[in-house]
Amino acid sequence: MVWQECFRSEFVGFAVSMGLLFLLSVVSMFLARRADLDVPEARWWWTAALLMWSVNGLITSVYHLPVNIQRYSVPFTTEAADTLRTSWLALHVPRVLMAMGTHLAATQAALVSSWTSGAHRAAS
């Protein structure tokens, strides 16, 4: 149980950072929903953002949430705890990268769409 106490402060930091990144990606997806998906480049960025968002949610719901629940309900040996922590952290990095990628891709979809529609309005 000592390892759980030591890891708790790190876990809180991970949870806060992931929570903020998740909210940022949700806001970005919400704002990018207005993108003109008839523009192929905007559609590509929107699809990339949606794919990263979906995979991130899948990893979170299938692996991270059950492991977090298990971690606090079952006592572990030191070796098992180290293995669990290593695998949890190894899959946390892709989650963070996908959350950042979702934000960037959704923002890019909105920007490309607005640039294209702005160019069409200027040409008209």
Protein backbone atom coordinates (compact mmCIF):
# COMPACT_ATOMS: atom_id res chain seq x y z
CA MET A 1 0.00 0.00 0.00
CA VAL A 2 2.98 2.31 0.41
CA TRP A 3 3.45 2.46 -3.37
CA GLN A 4 -0.16 3.56 -3.73
CA GLU A 5 0.43 6.51 -1.43
CA CYS A 6 3.60 7.49 -3.30
CA PHE A 7 1.87 7.20 -6.66
CA ARG A 8 -1.23 9.11 -5.55
CA SER A 9 0.37 12.55 -5.99
CA GLU A 10 1.70 11.59 -9.44
CA PHE A 11 -1.69 10.14 -10.38
CA VAL A 12 -3.46 13.36 -9.36
CA GLY A 13 -1.10 15.27 -11.65
CA PHE A 14 -1.85 12.87 -14.51
CA ALA A 15 -5.57 13.08 -13.88
CA VAL A 16 -5.56 16.87 -13.83
CA SER A 17 -3.48 17.14 -16.99
CA MET A 18 -5.57 14.54 -18.81
CA GLY A 19 -8.80 16.15 -17.62
CA LEU A 20 -7.73 19.54 -18.93
CA LEU A 21 -6.55 18.06 -22.23
CA PHE A 22 -9.82 16.15 -22.58
CA LEU A 23 -11.84 19.33 -22.00
CA LEU A 24 -9.65 21.19 -24.48
CA SER A 25 -10.22 18.50 -27.09
CA VAL A 26 -13.99 18.55 -26.47
CA VAL A 27 -14.10 22.34 -26.85
CA SER A 28 -11.99 22.13 -30.01
CA MET A 29 -14.25 19.44 -31.50
CA PHE A 30 -17.30 21.52 -30.60
CA LEU A 31 -15.88 24.65 -32.24
CA ALA A 32 -14.68 22.72 -35.30
CA ARG A 33 -18.11 21.17 -35.87
CA ARG A 34 -18.94 24.25 -37.92
CA ALA A 35 -16.13 23.48 -40.35
CA ASP A 36 -17.19 23.24 -43.96
CA LEU A 37 -16.67 19.53 -44.56
CA ASP A 38 -17.09 20.01 -48.32
CA VAL A 39 -13.50 21.27 -48.25
CA PRO A 40 -11.37 18.11 -48.55
CA GLU A 41 -8.52 19.37 -46.36
CA ALA A 42 -10.92 20.46 -43.60
CA ARG A 43 -12.69 17.09 -43.81
CA TRP A 44 -9.33 15.30 -43.51
CA TRP A 45 -8.38 17.28 -40.37
CA TRP A 46 -11.85 16.79 -38.87
CA THR A 47 -11.69 13.02 -39.50
CA ALA A 48 -8.22 12.83 -37.97
CA ALA A 49 -9.43 14.70 -34.88
CA LEU A 50 -12.48 12.46 -34.56
CA LEU A 51 -10.38 9.32 -34.94
CA MET A 52 -7.86 10.41 -32.28
CA TRP A 53 -10.69 11.42 -29.95
CA SER A 54 -12.39 8.03 -30.39
CA VAL A 55 -9.20 6.01 -29.83
CA ASN A 56 -8.38 8.10 -26.78
CA GLY A 57 -11.82 7.43 -25.32
CA LEU A 58 -11.48 3.72 -26.09
CA ILE A 59 -8.09 3.42 -24.36
CA THR A 60 -9.43 5.35 -21.37
CA SER A 61 -12.63 3.33 -20.95
CA VAL A 62 -11.19 -0.12 -21.73
CA TYR A 63 -7.85 0.10 -19.92
CA HIS A 64 -7.27 3.12 -17.70
CA LEU A 65 -10.56 3.37 -15.82
CA PRO A 66 -10.75 -0.37 -14.91
CA VAL A 67 -7.08 -0.36 -13.86
CA ASN A 68 -7.61 2.74 -11.71
CA ILE A 69 -10.56 1.09 -9.97
CA GLN A 70 -8.62 -2.15 -9.50
CA ARG A 71 -5.54 -0.32 -8.22
CA TYR A 72 -7.38 1.09 -5.22
CA SER A 73 -9.43 -2.00 -4.41
CA VAL A 74 -6.83 -4.80 -4.55
CA PRO A 75 -3.56 -4.91 -2.61
CA PHE A 76 -0.49 -5.48 -4.80
CA THR A 77 2.98 -6.81 -4.25
CA THR A 78 5.78 -4.39 -5.04
CA GLU A 79 6.66 -6.23 -8.26
CA ALA A 80 3.05 -6.32 -9.47
CA ALA A 81 2.67 -2.65 -8.59
CA ASP A 82 5.77 -1.71 -10.59
CA THR A 83 4.52 -3.68 -13.60
CA LEU A 84 1.08 -2.07 -13.36
CA ARG A 85 2.56 1.39 -13.02
CA THR A 86 4.87 0.88 -16.01
CA SER A 87 2.07 -0.32 -18.29
CA TRP A 88 -0.28 2.41 -17.06
CA LEU A 89 2.30 5.11 -17.79
CA ALA A 90 3.22 3.53 -21.15
CA LEU A 91 -0.39 3.84 -22.30
CA HIS A 92 -0.82 7.27 -20.71
CA VAL A 93 1.69 8.89 -23.06
CA PRO A 94 -0.32 8.01 -26.22
CA ARG A 95 -3.46 9.32 -24.52
CA VAL A 96 -1.83 12.69 -23.88
CA LEU A 97 -0.44 12.85 -27.40
CA MET A 98 -3.84 11.96 -28.90
CA ALA A 99 -5.60 14.56 -26.76
CA MET A 100 -3.16 17.21 -27.96
CA GLY A 101 -3.43 15.93 -31.52
CA THR A 102 -7.23 16.07 -31.33
CA HIS A 103 -7.09 19.71 -30.30
CA LEU A 104 -4.60 20.61 -33.01
CA ALA A 105 -6.41 18.70 -35.78
CA ALA A 106 -9.82 20.12 -34.84
CA THR A 107 -8.38 23.62 -34.71
CA GLN A 108 -6.71 23.07 -38.09
CA ALA A 109 -10.03 21.86 -39.58
CA ALA A 110 -11.75 25.03 -38.37
CA LEU A 111 -8.93 27.26 -39.65
CA VAL A 112 -8.76 25.59 -43.07
CA SER A 113 -12.51 25.83 -43.41
CA SER A 114 -12.57 29.49 -42.45
CA TRP A 115 -9.65 30.33 -44.77
CA THR A 116 -11.35 28.54 -47.66
CA SER A 117 -14.75 30.12 -47.07
CA GLY A 118 -13.07 33.51 -46.62
CA ALA A 119 -11.28 33.04 -49.94
CA HIS A 120 -14.57 32.13 -51.63
CA ARG A 121 -16.26 35.23 -50.22
CA ALA A 122 -13.38 37.46 -51.32
CA ALA A 123 -13.50 36.00 -54.84
CA SER A 124 -17.27 36.51 -55.10
